[in-house]
N, C-alpha and C. Protein backbone atom coordinates (compact mmCIF):
# COMPACT_ATOMS: atom_id res chain seq x y z
N MET A 1 40.96 -2.19 70.94
CA MET A 1 40.20 -2.91 69.94
C MET A 1 38.83 -3.31 70.48
N ASP A 2 38.75 -3.57 71.80
CA ASP A 2 37.47 -3.93 72.42
C ASP A 2 36.44 -2.82 72.25
N TYR A 3 36.89 -1.58 72.41
CA TYR A 3 35.98 -0.44 72.26
C TYR A 3 35.45 -0.34 70.83
N LEU A 4 36.33 -0.54 69.86
CA LEU A 4 35.93 -0.48 68.46
C LEU A 4 34.93 -1.59 68.13
N ASN A 5 35.20 -2.80 68.61
CA ASN A 5 34.27 -3.91 68.38
C ASN A 5 32.91 -3.64 69.01
N ALA A 6 32.91 -3.11 70.23
CA ALA A 6 31.64 -2.79 70.89
C ALA A 6 30.89 -1.72 70.12
N PHE A 7 31.61 -0.72 69.63
CA PHE A 7 30.98 0.35 68.85
C PHE A 7 30.38 -0.19 67.56
N ILE A 8 31.11 -1.06 66.89
CA ILE A 8 30.63 -1.60 65.61
C ILE A 8 29.41 -2.49 65.82
N VAL A 9 29.48 -3.42 66.77
CA VAL A 9 28.35 -4.33 67.00
C VAL A 9 27.13 -3.57 67.49
N GLY A 10 27.31 -2.68 68.46
CA GLY A 10 26.19 -1.87 68.95
C GLY A 10 25.63 -0.98 67.85
N GLY A 11 26.51 -0.43 67.03
CA GLY A 11 26.08 0.41 65.91
C GLY A 11 25.26 -0.36 64.89
N ILE A 12 25.68 -1.59 64.60
CA ILE A 12 24.93 -2.42 63.65
C ILE A 12 23.53 -2.71 64.18
N LEU A 13 23.43 -3.02 65.47
CA LEU A 13 22.11 -3.27 66.06
C LEU A 13 21.24 -2.02 65.99
N CYS A 14 21.82 -0.86 66.23
CA CYS A 14 21.06 0.39 66.15
C CYS A 14 20.65 0.71 64.72
N VAL A 15 21.54 0.45 63.77
CA VAL A 15 21.21 0.71 62.36
C VAL A 15 20.05 -0.17 61.91
N ILE A 16 20.06 -1.44 62.33
CA ILE A 16 18.95 -2.34 61.98
C ILE A 16 17.64 -1.79 62.54
N ALA A 17 17.66 -1.34 63.79
CA ALA A 17 16.44 -0.78 64.39
C ALA A 17 16.00 0.48 63.64
N GLN A 18 16.94 1.33 63.26
CA GLN A 18 16.59 2.56 62.55
C GLN A 18 16.01 2.25 61.18
N ILE A 19 16.55 1.24 60.51
CA ILE A 19 15.99 0.83 59.23
C ILE A 19 14.56 0.33 59.40
N LEU A 20 14.32 -0.44 60.46
CA LEU A 20 12.96 -0.91 60.74
C LEU A 20 12.01 0.25 61.00
N ILE A 21 12.48 1.25 61.72
CA ILE A 21 11.65 2.41 62.02
C ILE A 21 11.33 3.18 60.74
N ASP A 22 12.34 3.37 59.89
CA ASP A 22 12.17 4.20 58.69
C ASP A 22 11.41 3.52 57.56
N THR A 23 11.53 2.20 57.45
CA THR A 23 10.98 1.52 56.27
C THR A 23 9.73 0.69 56.54
N THR A 24 9.35 0.54 57.79
CA THR A 24 8.16 -0.24 58.10
C THR A 24 7.21 0.62 58.93
N LYS A 25 6.04 0.09 59.15
CA LYS A 25 5.07 0.78 60.00
C LYS A 25 5.08 0.20 61.42
N LEU A 26 6.16 -0.51 61.78
CA LEU A 26 6.27 -1.07 63.11
C LEU A 26 6.42 0.05 64.14
N THR A 27 5.73 -0.10 65.25
CA THR A 27 5.87 0.87 66.33
C THR A 27 7.13 0.56 67.13
N SER A 28 7.55 1.52 67.92
CA SER A 28 8.75 1.33 68.74
C SER A 28 8.58 0.15 69.70
N GLY A 29 7.38 -0.01 70.24
CA GLY A 29 7.11 -1.13 71.15
C GLY A 29 7.26 -2.48 70.46
N ARG A 30 6.82 -2.56 69.23
CA ARG A 30 6.94 -3.83 68.49
C ARG A 30 8.39 -4.12 68.14
N ILE A 31 9.14 -3.09 67.81
CA ILE A 31 10.57 -3.29 67.54
C ILE A 31 11.28 -3.74 68.81
N LEU A 32 10.90 -3.18 69.94
CA LEU A 32 11.45 -3.60 71.24
C LEU A 32 11.20 -5.09 71.45
N VAL A 33 9.98 -5.54 71.21
CA VAL A 33 9.64 -6.95 71.39
C VAL A 33 10.42 -7.82 70.41
N ILE A 34 10.55 -7.36 69.17
CA ILE A 34 11.32 -8.11 68.17
C ILE A 34 12.76 -8.27 68.62
N TYR A 35 13.37 -7.20 69.14
CA TYR A 35 14.76 -7.26 69.57
C TYR A 35 14.95 -8.20 70.77
N VAL A 36 14.08 -8.10 71.76
CA VAL A 36 14.20 -8.99 72.93
C VAL A 36 14.01 -10.44 72.51
N THR A 37 13.00 -10.69 71.68
CA THR A 37 12.74 -12.05 71.21
C THR A 37 13.88 -12.58 70.36
N ALA A 38 14.41 -11.73 69.47
CA ALA A 38 15.54 -12.15 68.63
C ALA A 38 16.76 -12.49 69.49
N GLY A 39 17.01 -11.69 70.51
CA GLY A 39 18.13 -11.98 71.41
C GLY A 39 17.95 -13.31 72.12
N ALA A 40 16.73 -13.60 72.56
CA ALA A 40 16.46 -14.87 73.24
C ALA A 40 16.60 -16.05 72.29
N ILE A 41 16.08 -15.91 71.07
CA ILE A 41 16.16 -17.00 70.10
C ILE A 41 17.61 -17.24 69.68
N LEU A 42 18.33 -16.17 69.37
CA LEU A 42 19.73 -16.32 68.98
C LEU A 42 20.57 -16.89 70.12
N SER A 43 20.22 -16.55 71.34
CA SER A 43 20.92 -17.10 72.50
C SER A 43 20.64 -18.59 72.65
N ALA A 44 19.39 -18.98 72.47
CA ALA A 44 19.03 -20.39 72.58
C ALA A 44 19.72 -21.22 71.51
N LEU A 45 19.95 -20.62 70.35
CA LEU A 45 20.63 -21.32 69.26
C LEU A 45 22.15 -21.30 69.40
N GLY A 46 22.66 -20.55 70.38
CA GLY A 46 24.10 -20.47 70.61
C GLY A 46 24.80 -19.45 69.74
N ILE A 47 24.04 -18.66 69.00
CA ILE A 47 24.63 -17.67 68.09
C ILE A 47 24.97 -16.37 68.82
N TYR A 48 24.10 -15.95 69.72
CA TYR A 48 24.28 -14.64 70.35
C TYR A 48 25.52 -14.60 71.25
N GLN A 49 25.89 -15.71 71.85
CA GLN A 49 27.08 -15.71 72.69
C GLN A 49 28.33 -15.40 71.86
N LYS A 50 28.35 -15.85 70.61
CA LYS A 50 29.48 -15.53 69.72
C LYS A 50 29.50 -14.04 69.41
N ILE A 51 28.32 -13.43 69.26
CA ILE A 51 28.24 -11.99 69.03
C ILE A 51 28.72 -11.24 70.27
N VAL A 52 28.34 -11.72 71.45
CA VAL A 52 28.80 -11.11 72.71
C VAL A 52 30.32 -11.23 72.85
N ASP A 53 30.87 -12.37 72.46
CA ASP A 53 32.32 -12.55 72.55
C ASP A 53 33.06 -11.55 71.65
N ILE A 54 32.47 -11.20 70.53
CA ILE A 54 33.10 -10.24 69.62
C ILE A 54 32.82 -8.80 70.07
N GLY A 55 31.55 -8.50 70.35
CA GLY A 55 31.13 -7.12 70.60
C GLY A 55 31.10 -6.67 72.04
N GLY A 56 31.20 -7.58 72.99
CA GLY A 56 31.18 -7.21 74.40
C GLY A 56 29.96 -6.39 74.76
N ALA A 57 30.19 -5.20 75.34
CA ALA A 57 29.09 -4.34 75.78
C ALA A 57 28.22 -3.87 74.61
N GLY A 58 28.77 -3.82 73.42
CA GLY A 58 27.97 -3.44 72.26
C GLY A 58 26.87 -4.44 71.96
N ALA A 59 27.03 -5.66 72.46
CA ALA A 59 26.01 -6.69 72.26
C ALA A 59 25.17 -6.93 73.51
N THR A 60 25.71 -6.67 74.69
CA THR A 60 24.96 -6.97 75.92
C THR A 60 24.09 -5.81 76.39
N ILE A 61 24.41 -4.59 76.02
CA ILE A 61 23.65 -3.44 76.49
C ILE A 61 22.32 -3.26 75.75
N PRO A 62 22.27 -3.42 74.41
CA PRO A 62 20.98 -3.23 73.72
C PRO A 62 19.93 -4.26 74.15
N LEU A 63 18.73 -4.10 73.65
CA LEU A 63 17.61 -4.97 74.02
C LEU A 63 17.85 -6.43 73.66
N THR A 64 18.60 -6.68 72.61
CA THR A 64 18.91 -8.07 72.28
C THR A 64 19.71 -8.72 73.40
N GLY A 65 20.53 -7.94 74.08
CA GLY A 65 21.29 -8.45 75.21
C GLY A 65 20.38 -8.82 76.38
N PHE A 66 19.29 -8.08 76.55
CA PHE A 66 18.32 -8.42 77.59
C PHE A 66 17.65 -9.75 77.28
N GLY A 67 17.28 -9.96 76.01
CA GLY A 67 16.72 -11.25 75.61
C GLY A 67 17.71 -12.37 75.81
N HIS A 68 18.97 -12.11 75.51
CA HIS A 68 20.04 -13.09 75.73
C HIS A 68 20.14 -13.45 77.21
N SER A 69 20.10 -12.44 78.07
CA SER A 69 20.17 -12.69 79.52
C SER A 69 18.97 -13.50 80.01
N LEU A 70 17.78 -13.17 79.50
CA LEU A 70 16.59 -13.92 79.88
C LEU A 70 16.72 -15.39 79.48
N ALA A 71 17.16 -15.63 78.25
CA ALA A 71 17.29 -17.01 77.76
C ALA A 71 18.34 -17.77 78.55
N GLN A 72 19.48 -17.15 78.80
CA GLN A 72 20.55 -17.84 79.54
C GLN A 72 20.10 -18.12 80.98
N GLY A 73 19.37 -17.18 81.58
CA GLY A 73 18.84 -17.41 82.92
C GLY A 73 17.84 -18.55 82.95
N ALA A 74 16.98 -18.62 81.94
CA ALA A 74 15.99 -19.70 81.88
C ALA A 74 16.68 -21.05 81.68
N ILE A 75 17.69 -21.08 80.82
CA ILE A 75 18.44 -22.33 80.60
C ILE A 75 19.13 -22.78 81.88
N LYS A 76 19.75 -21.84 82.58
CA LYS A 76 20.41 -22.18 83.85
C LYS A 76 19.38 -22.61 84.89
N GLY A 77 18.23 -21.92 84.93
CA GLY A 77 17.18 -22.27 85.88
C GLY A 77 16.64 -23.66 85.65
N VAL A 78 16.49 -24.06 84.39
CA VAL A 78 16.01 -25.41 84.08
C VAL A 78 17.03 -26.45 84.54
N ARG A 79 18.30 -26.18 84.34
CA ARG A 79 19.34 -27.11 84.78
C ARG A 79 19.33 -27.29 86.29
N GLU A 80 19.07 -26.19 87.01
CA GLU A 80 19.13 -26.25 88.47
C GLU A 80 17.80 -26.66 89.11
N ASP A 81 16.67 -26.17 88.59
CA ASP A 81 15.39 -26.36 89.25
C ASP A 81 14.36 -27.13 88.42
N GLY A 82 14.73 -27.59 87.26
CA GLY A 82 13.78 -28.32 86.43
C GLY A 82 12.80 -27.37 85.77
N LEU A 83 11.56 -27.82 85.59
CA LEU A 83 10.55 -27.05 84.89
C LEU A 83 10.26 -25.70 85.54
N LEU A 84 10.34 -25.63 86.85
CA LEU A 84 10.12 -24.37 87.56
C LEU A 84 11.15 -23.32 87.15
N GLY A 85 12.34 -23.76 86.79
CA GLY A 85 13.40 -22.85 86.36
C GLY A 85 13.07 -22.07 85.10
N VAL A 86 12.15 -22.59 84.28
CA VAL A 86 11.73 -21.86 83.08
C VAL A 86 11.15 -20.51 83.48
N PHE A 87 10.41 -20.49 84.57
CA PHE A 87 9.74 -19.27 85.01
C PHE A 87 10.62 -18.40 85.91
N THR A 88 11.46 -19.02 86.72
CA THR A 88 12.25 -18.26 87.69
C THR A 88 13.63 -17.88 87.18
N GLY A 89 14.20 -18.65 86.29
CA GLY A 89 15.58 -18.43 85.85
C GLY A 89 15.79 -17.10 85.16
N GLY A 90 14.90 -16.75 84.22
CA GLY A 90 15.05 -15.49 83.50
C GLY A 90 14.92 -14.29 84.40
N LEU A 91 13.98 -14.35 85.33
CA LEU A 91 13.80 -13.23 86.26
C LEU A 91 14.97 -13.10 87.22
N THR A 92 15.50 -14.23 87.66
CA THR A 92 16.65 -14.20 88.55
C THR A 92 17.86 -13.59 87.84
N ALA A 93 18.06 -13.97 86.57
CA ALA A 93 19.22 -13.49 85.82
C ALA A 93 19.13 -12.00 85.51
N THR A 94 17.94 -11.48 85.36
CA THR A 94 17.78 -10.07 84.97
C THR A 94 17.25 -9.19 86.08
N ALA A 95 17.18 -9.71 87.29
CA ALA A 95 16.59 -8.96 88.42
C ALA A 95 17.30 -7.63 88.66
N GLY A 96 18.61 -7.59 88.53
CA GLY A 96 19.34 -6.34 88.76
C GLY A 96 18.93 -5.26 87.78
N GLY A 97 18.86 -5.60 86.51
CA GLY A 97 18.47 -4.63 85.49
C GLY A 97 17.04 -4.18 85.63
N ILE A 98 16.16 -5.11 85.93
CA ILE A 98 14.74 -4.76 86.12
C ILE A 98 14.59 -3.85 87.33
N SER A 99 15.27 -4.20 88.42
CA SER A 99 15.19 -3.36 89.63
C SER A 99 15.74 -1.97 89.37
N ALA A 100 16.86 -1.87 88.67
CA ALA A 100 17.44 -0.57 88.37
C ALA A 100 16.49 0.27 87.52
N ALA A 101 15.84 -0.35 86.54
CA ALA A 101 14.90 0.39 85.69
C ALA A 101 13.73 0.93 86.51
N ILE A 102 13.22 0.13 87.43
CA ILE A 102 12.11 0.57 88.27
C ILE A 102 12.55 1.71 89.20
N ILE A 103 13.69 1.52 89.86
CA ILE A 103 14.17 2.53 90.82
C ILE A 103 14.50 3.84 90.12
N PHE A 104 15.25 3.79 89.02
CA PHE A 104 15.63 5.02 88.33
C PHE A 104 14.42 5.68 87.67
N GLY A 105 13.49 4.90 87.16
CA GLY A 105 12.27 5.47 86.62
C GLY A 105 11.48 6.20 87.68
N TYR A 106 11.39 5.61 88.86
CA TYR A 106 10.68 6.24 89.98
C TYR A 106 11.38 7.53 90.40
N LEU A 107 12.71 7.49 90.52
CA LEU A 107 13.46 8.68 90.91
C LEU A 107 13.29 9.81 89.89
N MET A 108 13.32 9.48 88.62
CA MET A 108 13.13 10.51 87.59
C MET A 108 11.73 11.09 87.64
N ALA A 109 10.73 10.25 87.96
CA ALA A 109 9.36 10.74 88.09
C ALA A 109 9.24 11.71 89.26
N ILE A 110 9.98 11.46 90.32
CA ILE A 110 9.95 12.35 91.48
C ILE A 110 10.66 13.66 91.16
N ILE A 111 11.82 13.58 90.52
CA ILE A 111 12.63 14.76 90.24
C ILE A 111 11.98 15.66 89.19
N PHE A 112 11.47 15.08 88.10
CA PHE A 112 11.01 15.87 86.98
C PHE A 112 9.51 16.07 86.90
N ASN A 113 8.72 15.53 87.81
CA ASN A 113 7.28 15.76 87.88
C ASN A 113 6.60 15.56 86.51
N PRO A 114 6.48 14.32 86.05
CA PRO A 114 5.92 14.08 84.71
C PRO A 114 4.45 14.45 84.65
N LYS A 115 4.03 14.82 83.45
CA LYS A 115 2.63 15.16 83.22
C LYS A 115 2.10 14.27 82.10
N THR A 116 0.81 13.99 82.15
CA THR A 116 0.21 13.20 81.07
C THR A 116 0.03 14.07 79.85
N LYS A 117 0.11 13.46 78.68
CA LYS A 117 -0.08 14.20 77.43
C LYS A 117 -1.57 14.40 77.18
N PRO A 118 -1.95 15.58 76.67
CA PRO A 118 -3.39 15.83 76.41
C PRO A 118 -3.92 15.02 75.27
């Protein structure tokens, strides 16, 4: 049942993004920012954790999950370090994902020899 819930929640998030792509003039970058911001706002309101409890990886893997992680890290950072935690908490909570993106992006650039578009 966990797999089905993850598929449904992740699918709903993807369908919303596809609808935004098809029906608006928003660029992919703007939709990315909307998703990360929405995840952070819903997390701060306590709503996104309920979605994570239902959808598991279907809610934590998409970009909204990244916003959720940033918000939860910032909240934890504020509790532990005060105002400085606002700036350090989110980065500490998401450091693994950010590092993986940088490392794998670099490795793919080495392996596939990217070229600039004309």
